[in-house]
Amino acid sequence: MKLVTTISRILLGLMFLIFGLNGFLHFIHQPPPTGLALQYLMVLSESHYMTAVFLLQVIGGALLLANRYVPLALVLLGPVIVNILLYHTLMAPAGLPPGAVATVLWCIVFSSVRRAFAGVFAAKTEVV
């Protein structure tokens, strides 16, 4: 299981580092979106929202590849994955499989560090 976790962590890290850098350097050509997806991406681009998303992807991917602060990397990448899944489910279904792969990899890595999230899943907390 440790080998599967390590491979998943590296693949997820590479995926987010490469696509995060692509947001800044544009070295992977992507076909232009159409319809509602185009309008959505235009708003995100014009508002510079995507700059923050690409930066989170680069930081999260680098942390996973360095095997440092893995729980923090998962916290940074979790909302990005949710947005990827929602975007592709609702506006551009053709890109859903890579998002599903990222989700599965994230879940595998999460399962290996789930103890770091124990406090988040506590039903009740002690007030200090």
N, C-alpha and C. Protein backbone atom coordinates (compact mmCIF):
# COMPACT_ATOMS: atom_id res chain seq x y z
N MET A 1 0.82 -1.20 0.00
CA MET A 1 0.00 0.00 0.00
C MET A 1 0.87 1.26 0.00
N LYS A 2 2.03 1.18 0.63
CA LYS A 2 2.91 2.35 0.68
C LYS A 2 3.38 2.72 -0.74
N LEU A 3 3.63 1.73 -1.57
CA LEU A 3 4.05 1.98 -2.94
C LEU A 3 2.94 2.68 -3.73
N VAL A 4 1.71 2.21 -3.55
CA VAL A 4 0.57 2.82 -4.24
C VAL A 4 0.41 4.27 -3.80
N THR A 5 0.57 4.52 -2.51
CA THR A 5 0.46 5.89 -1.99
C THR A 5 1.56 6.78 -2.55
N THR A 6 2.77 6.27 -2.60
CA THR A 6 3.89 7.06 -3.12
C THR A 6 3.69 7.38 -4.59
N ILE A 7 3.28 6.40 -5.37
CA ILE A 7 3.02 6.62 -6.80
C ILE A 7 1.89 7.62 -6.98
N SER A 8 0.82 7.48 -6.18
CA SER A 8 -0.31 8.41 -6.27
C SER A 8 0.11 9.83 -5.92
N ARG A 9 0.92 9.97 -4.87
CA ARG A 9 1.39 11.29 -4.45
C ARG A 9 2.22 11.94 -5.55
N ILE A 10 3.11 11.17 -6.15
CA ILE A 10 3.96 11.71 -7.21
C ILE A 10 3.14 12.08 -8.45
N LEU A 11 2.22 11.20 -8.86
CA LEU A 11 1.39 11.50 -10.02
C LEU A 11 0.51 12.73 -9.79
N LEU A 12 -0.09 12.81 -8.60
CA LEU A 12 -0.92 13.97 -8.29
C LEU A 12 -0.08 15.24 -8.25
N GLY A 13 1.11 15.14 -7.66
CA GLY A 13 2.00 16.29 -7.61
C GLY A 13 2.42 16.74 -9.00
N LEU A 14 2.78 15.79 -9.86
CA LEU A 14 3.16 16.13 -11.24
C LEU A 14 1.99 16.77 -12.00
N MET A 15 0.81 16.17 -11.81
CA MET A 15 -0.37 16.66 -12.51
C MET A 15 -0.62 18.14 -12.17
N PHE A 16 -0.60 18.45 -10.89
CA PHE A 16 -0.91 19.82 -10.50
C PHE A 16 0.25 20.78 -10.75
N LEU A 17 1.48 20.31 -10.62
CA LEU A 17 2.61 21.18 -10.91
C LEU A 17 2.64 21.53 -12.40
N ILE A 18 2.47 20.54 -13.25
CA ILE A 18 2.52 20.77 -14.70
C ILE A 18 1.36 21.66 -15.16
N PHE A 19 0.14 21.33 -14.75
CA PHE A 19 -0.99 22.13 -15.21
C PHE A 19 -1.03 23.51 -14.54
N GLY A 20 -0.50 23.61 -13.32
CA GLY A 20 -0.39 24.92 -12.69
C GLY A 20 0.61 25.80 -13.42
N LEU A 21 1.77 25.22 -13.77
CA LEU A 21 2.76 25.98 -14.54
C LEU A 21 2.24 26.33 -15.93
N ASN A 22 1.45 25.42 -16.51
CA ASN A 22 0.87 25.70 -17.82
C ASN A 22 -0.03 26.93 -17.77
N GLY A 23 -0.67 27.17 -16.64
CA GLY A 23 -1.49 28.37 -16.51
C GLY A 23 -0.69 29.65 -16.63
N PHE A 24 0.59 29.59 -16.26
CA PHE A 24 1.46 30.77 -16.37
C PHE A 24 2.25 30.78 -17.67
N LEU A 25 2.72 29.61 -18.12
CA LEU A 25 3.65 29.55 -19.25
C LEU A 25 3.01 29.13 -20.58
N HIS A 26 1.82 28.57 -20.55
CA HIS A 26 1.06 28.18 -21.74
C HIS A 26 1.84 27.28 -22.69
N PHE A 27 2.40 26.19 -22.18
CA PHE A 27 3.15 25.27 -23.03
C PHE A 27 2.33 24.07 -23.49
N ILE A 28 1.12 23.88 -22.98
CA ILE A 28 0.22 22.82 -23.44
C ILE A 28 -0.96 23.51 -24.11
N HIS A 29 -1.13 23.23 -25.41
CA HIS A 29 -2.24 23.84 -26.14
C HIS A 29 -3.55 23.15 -25.75
N GLN A 30 -4.56 23.97 -25.49
CA GLN A 30 -5.88 23.44 -25.16
C GLN A 30 -6.89 24.06 -26.10
N PRO A 31 -7.83 23.26 -26.60
CA PRO A 31 -8.85 23.84 -27.49
C PRO A 31 -9.71 24.84 -26.73
N PRO A 32 -10.12 25.89 -27.41
CA PRO A 32 -10.93 26.90 -26.73
C PRO A 32 -12.29 26.34 -26.32
N PRO A 33 -12.78 26.73 -25.14
CA PRO A 33 -14.11 26.28 -24.73
C PRO A 33 -15.19 27.00 -25.51
N THR A 34 -16.39 26.50 -25.42
CA THR A 34 -17.52 27.10 -26.13
C THR A 34 -18.66 27.33 -25.15
N GLY A 35 -19.59 28.16 -25.55
CA GLY A 35 -20.82 28.37 -24.79
C GLY A 35 -20.60 28.92 -23.40
N LEU A 36 -21.30 28.33 -22.45
CA LEU A 36 -21.26 28.78 -21.07
C LEU A 36 -19.86 28.62 -20.47
N ALA A 37 -19.14 27.58 -20.85
CA ALA A 37 -17.78 27.37 -20.35
C ALA A 37 -16.87 28.52 -20.76
N LEU A 38 -17.04 29.02 -21.97
CA LEU A 38 -16.24 30.16 -22.44
C LEU A 38 -16.53 31.41 -21.61
N GLN A 39 -17.81 31.68 -21.36
CA GLN A 39 -18.17 32.84 -20.55
C GLN A 39 -17.59 32.71 -19.14
N TYR A 40 -17.70 31.54 -18.56
CA TYR A 40 -17.20 31.30 -17.21
C TYR A 40 -15.69 31.53 -17.14
N LEU A 41 -14.96 30.96 -18.08
CA LEU A 41 -13.51 31.11 -18.08
C LEU A 41 -13.07 32.54 -18.39
N MET A 42 -13.84 33.24 -19.18
CA MET A 42 -13.53 34.65 -19.46
C MET A 42 -13.62 35.48 -18.18
N VAL A 43 -14.66 35.25 -17.40
CA VAL A 43 -14.81 35.99 -16.14
C VAL A 43 -13.66 35.66 -15.19
N LEU A 44 -13.33 34.37 -15.07
CA LEU A 44 -12.24 33.97 -14.18
C LEU A 44 -10.91 34.54 -14.65
N SER A 45 -10.71 34.58 -15.94
CA SER A 45 -9.46 35.09 -16.48
C SER A 45 -9.36 36.62 -16.30
N GLU A 46 -10.42 37.32 -16.66
CA GLU A 46 -10.40 38.79 -16.57
C GLU A 46 -10.25 39.26 -15.12
N SER A 47 -10.78 38.51 -14.18
CA SER A 47 -10.70 38.92 -12.77
C SER A 47 -9.39 38.48 -12.11
N HIS A 48 -8.56 37.76 -12.84
CA HIS A 48 -7.28 37.22 -12.34
C HIS A 48 -7.48 36.17 -11.25
N TYR A 49 -8.67 35.64 -11.15
CA TYR A 49 -8.97 34.56 -10.21
C TYR A 49 -8.12 33.34 -10.53
N MET A 50 -7.93 33.06 -11.80
CA MET A 50 -7.18 31.87 -12.22
C MET A 50 -5.71 31.97 -11.82
N THR A 51 -5.18 33.17 -11.67
CA THR A 51 -3.80 33.32 -11.21
C THR A 51 -3.64 32.70 -9.83
N ALA A 52 -4.59 32.96 -8.95
CA ALA A 52 -4.55 32.36 -7.61
C ALA A 52 -4.71 30.85 -7.68
N VAL A 53 -5.60 30.38 -8.55
CA VAL A 53 -5.82 28.93 -8.68
C VAL A 53 -4.55 28.26 -9.20
N PHE A 54 -3.91 28.84 -10.21
CA PHE A 54 -2.68 28.24 -10.75
C PHE A 54 -1.57 28.26 -9.71
N LEU A 55 -1.50 29.31 -8.92
CA LEU A 55 -0.50 29.38 -7.87
C LEU A 55 -0.73 28.30 -6.82
N LEU A 56 -1.98 28.08 -6.43
CA LEU A 56 -2.30 27.00 -5.49
C LEU A 56 -1.93 25.64 -6.07
N GLN A 57 -2.16 25.46 -7.36
CA GLN A 57 -1.81 24.19 -8.00
C GLN A 57 -0.31 23.98 -7.97
N VAL A 58 0.47 25.00 -8.29
CA VAL A 58 1.93 24.89 -8.29
C VAL A 58 2.45 24.59 -6.89
N ILE A 59 1.95 25.33 -5.90
CA ILE A 59 2.41 25.12 -4.53
C ILE A 59 2.03 23.73 -4.04
N GLY A 60 0.78 23.34 -4.24
CA GLY A 60 0.34 22.01 -3.81
C GLY A 60 1.09 20.89 -4.51
N GLY A 61 1.28 21.02 -5.81
CA GLY A 61 2.02 20.01 -6.56
C GLY A 61 3.46 19.91 -6.11
N ALA A 62 4.11 21.05 -5.88
CA ALA A 62 5.50 21.04 -5.42
C ALA A 62 5.62 20.40 -4.03
N LEU A 63 4.69 20.71 -3.13
CA LEU A 63 4.72 20.11 -1.80
C LEU A 63 4.55 18.60 -1.87
N LEU A 64 3.67 18.13 -2.74
CA LEU A 64 3.48 16.68 -2.89
C LEU A 64 4.74 16.02 -3.45
N LEU A 65 5.35 16.64 -4.43
CA LEU A 65 6.57 16.07 -5.02
C LEU A 65 7.73 16.08 -4.04
N ALA A 66 7.79 17.09 -3.18
CA ALA A 66 8.86 17.16 -2.19
C ALA A 66 8.57 16.29 -0.98
N ASN A 67 7.35 15.75 -0.90
CA ASN A 67 6.90 14.93 0.22
C ASN A 67 7.02 15.70 1.53
N ARG A 68 6.70 16.97 1.49
CA ARG A 68 6.71 17.85 2.66
C ARG A 68 5.34 18.49 2.79
N TYR A 69 4.86 18.59 4.02
CA TYR A 69 3.57 19.22 4.29
C TYR A 69 2.46 18.65 3.40
N VAL A 70 2.42 17.33 3.29
CA VAL A 70 1.44 16.67 2.43
C VAL A 70 0.01 17.00 2.85
N PRO A 71 -0.33 17.00 4.16
CA PRO A 71 -1.70 17.39 4.51
C PRO A 71 -2.05 18.82 4.06
N LEU A 72 -1.11 19.74 4.17
CA LEU A 72 -1.34 21.11 3.70
C LEU A 72 -1.58 21.12 2.19
N ALA A 73 -0.78 20.35 1.46
CA ALA A 73 -0.96 20.27 0.01
C ALA A 73 -2.36 19.75 -0.33
N LEU A 74 -2.83 18.76 0.41
CA LEU A 74 -4.17 18.21 0.16
C LEU A 74 -5.25 19.24 0.48
N VAL A 75 -5.04 20.03 1.52
CA VAL A 75 -6.00 21.09 1.85
C VAL A 75 -6.04 22.14 0.75
N LEU A 76 -4.89 22.48 0.19
CA LEU A 76 -4.84 23.47 -0.89
C LEU A 76 -5.47 22.94 -2.18
N LEU A 77 -5.25 21.66 -2.46
CA LEU A 77 -5.71 21.10 -3.73
C LEU A 77 -7.15 20.59 -3.69
N GLY A 78 -7.67 20.31 -2.51
CA GLY A 78 -9.04 19.80 -2.40
C GLY A 78 -10.08 20.69 -3.06
N PRO A 79 -10.12 21.98 -2.71
CA PRO A 79 -11.10 22.86 -3.36
C PRO A 79 -10.87 23.02 -4.87
N VAL A 80 -9.63 22.95 -5.28
CA VAL A 80 -9.34 23.04 -6.72
C VAL A 80 -9.95 21.84 -7.43
N ILE A 81 -9.81 20.65 -6.84
CA ILE A 81 -10.37 19.44 -7.44
C ILE A 81 -11.90 19.53 -7.48
N VAL A 82 -12.50 20.03 -6.43
CA VAL A 82 -13.97 20.19 -6.42
C VAL A 82 -14.40 21.11 -7.56
N ASN A 83 -13.69 22.21 -7.75
CA ASN A 83 -14.03 23.12 -8.84
C ASN A 83 -13.81 22.50 -10.22
N ILE A 84 -12.75 21.70 -10.35
CA ILE A 84 -12.51 20.99 -11.61
C ILE A 84 -13.67 20.05 -11.91
N LEU A 85 -14.08 19.29 -10.90
CA LEU A 85 -15.19 18.34 -11.10
C LEU A 85 -16.49 19.07 -11.43
N LEU A 86 -16.78 20.15 -10.73
CA LEU A 86 -18.01 20.89 -11.00
C LEU A 86 -18.00 21.52 -12.39
N TYR A 87 -16.87 22.12 -12.76
CA TYR A 87 -16.77 22.74 -14.08
C TYR A 87 -17.00 21.71 -15.18
N HIS A 88 -16.32 20.56 -15.07
CA HIS A 88 -16.44 19.57 -16.13
C HIS A 88 -17.78 18.83 -16.08
N THR A 89 -18.37 18.70 -14.93
CA THR A 89 -19.68 18.06 -14.85
C THR A 89 -20.77 18.95 -15.43
N LEU A 90 -20.69 20.24 -15.14
CA LEU A 90 -21.76 21.15 -15.52
C LEU A 90 -21.56 21.86 -16.86
N MET A 91 -20.30 22.06 -17.28
CA MET A 91 -20.08 22.89 -18.47
C MET A 91 -19.27 22.24 -19.58
N ALA A 92 -18.35 21.35 -19.24
CA ALA A 92 -17.48 20.76 -20.27
C ALA A 92 -17.21 19.30 -19.94
N PRO A 93 -18.19 18.43 -20.15
CA PRO A 93 -18.07 17.03 -19.73
C PRO A 93 -16.92 16.24 -20.36
N ALA A 94 -16.40 16.70 -21.47
CA ALA A 94 -15.32 15.96 -22.14
C ALA A 94 -14.07 15.88 -21.27
N GLY A 95 -13.85 16.84 -20.39
CA GLY A 95 -12.65 16.86 -19.55
C GLY A 95 -12.84 16.20 -18.21
N LEU A 96 -13.95 15.52 -17.99
CA LEU A 96 -14.23 14.93 -16.68
C LEU A 96 -13.28 13.79 -16.30
N PRO A 97 -12.85 12.91 -17.21
CA PRO A 97 -11.98 11.80 -16.79
C PRO A 97 -10.68 12.23 -16.08
N PRO A 98 -9.94 13.24 -16.57
CA PRO A 98 -8.75 13.64 -15.80
C PRO A 98 -9.09 14.16 -14.40
N GLY A 99 -10.21 14.84 -14.27
CA GLY A 99 -10.66 15.29 -12.96
C GLY A 99 -10.98 14.13 -12.04
N ALA A 100 -11.58 13.09 -12.60
CA ALA A 100 -11.89 11.89 -11.81
C ALA A 100 -10.61 11.19 -11.38
N VAL A 101 -9.61 11.15 -12.26
CA VAL A 101 -8.32 10.55 -11.90
C VAL A 101 -7.67 11.34 -10.78
N ALA A 102 -7.69 12.66 -10.87
CA ALA A 102 -7.12 13.50 -9.81
C ALA A 102 -7.84 13.25 -8.49
N THR A 103 -9.15 13.07 -8.54
CA THR A 103 -9.93 12.80 -7.32
C THR A 103 -9.52 11.48 -6.68
N VAL A 104 -9.38 10.45 -7.50
CA VAL A 104 -8.98 9.14 -6.97
C VAL A 104 -7.58 9.22 -6.37
N LEU A 105 -6.65 9.86 -7.06
CA LEU A 105 -5.29 10.02 -6.52
C LEU A 105 -5.30 10.80 -5.22
N TRP A 106 -6.10 11.88 -5.16
CA TRP A 106 -6.19 12.68 -3.94
C TRP A 106 -6.71 11.82 -2.79
N CYS A 107 -7.72 11.01 -3.05
CA CYS A 107 -8.29 10.14 -2.00
C CYS A 107 -7.27 9.12 -1.50
N ILE A 108 -6.47 8.57 -2.39
CA ILE A 108 -5.44 7.61 -1.99
C ILE A 108 -4.41 8.28 -1.09
N VAL A 109 -3.95 9.46 -1.50
CA VAL A 109 -2.96 10.18 -0.69
C VAL A 109 -3.59 10.60 0.64
N PHE A 110 -4.83 11.06 0.60
CA PHE A 110 -5.52 11.45 1.83
C PHE A 110 -5.60 10.29 2.81
N SER A 111 -5.90 9.10 2.31
CA SER A 111 -6.02 7.94 3.20
C SER A 111 -4.71 7.64 3.93
N SER A 112 -3.60 8.01 3.34
CA SER A 112 -2.31 7.74 3.99
C SER A 112 -1.98 8.76 5.08
N VAL A 113 -2.60 9.93 5.05
CA VAL A 113 -2.32 10.96 6.05
C VAL A 113 -3.59 11.36 6.80
N ARG A 114 -4.58 10.51 6.81
CA ARG A 114 -5.87 10.86 7.40
C ARG A 114 -5.79 11.21 8.88
N ARG A 115 -4.77 10.70 9.58
CA ARG A 115 -4.62 11.04 11.00
C ARG A 115 -4.39 12.54 11.20
N ALA A 116 -3.79 13.19 10.22
CA ALA A 116 -3.55 14.63 10.32
C ALA A 116 -4.86 15.41 10.31
N PHE A 117 -5.93 14.78 9.82
CA PHE A 117 -7.23 15.43 9.71
C PHE A 117 -8.20 14.97 10.80
N ALA A 118 -7.71 14.28 11.80
CA ALA A 118 -8.58 13.72 12.84
C ALA A 118 -9.43 14.78 13.52
N GLY A 119 -8.86 15.93 13.79
CA GLY A 119 -9.61 17.00 14.45
C GLY A 119 -10.73 17.57 13.61
N VAL A 120 -10.58 17.53 12.32
CA VAL A 120 -11.59 18.07 11.42
C VAL A 120 -12.85 17.20 11.45
N PHE A 121 -12.68 15.91 11.67
CA PHE A 121 -13.80 14.98 11.65
C PHE A 121 -14.35 14.67 13.04
N ALA A 122 -13.97 15.46 14.03
CA ALA A 122 -14.49 15.27 15.38
C ALA A 122 -15.91 15.82 15.46
N ALA A 123 -16.82 15.03 16.04
CA ALA A 123 -18.21 15.45 16.14
C ALA A 123 -18.37 16.62 17.11
N LYS A 124 -17.61 16.59 18.17
CA LYS A 124 -17.64 17.66 19.16
C LYS A 124 -16.23 18.06 19.48
N THR A 125 -16.04 19.34 19.75
CA THR A 125 -14.71 19.81 20.13
C THR A 125 -14.77 20.45 21.49
N GLU A 126 -13.65 20.50 22.13
CA GLU A 126 -13.55 21.10 23.43
C GLU A 126 -13.31 22.59 23.28
N VAL A 127 -14.10 23.41 23.94
CA VAL A 127 -13.95 24.86 23.87
C VAL A 127 -12.85 25.26 24.83
N VAL A 128 -11.91 26.02 24.33
CA VAL A 128 -10.78 26.45 25.16
C VAL A 128 -11.01 27.82 25.73
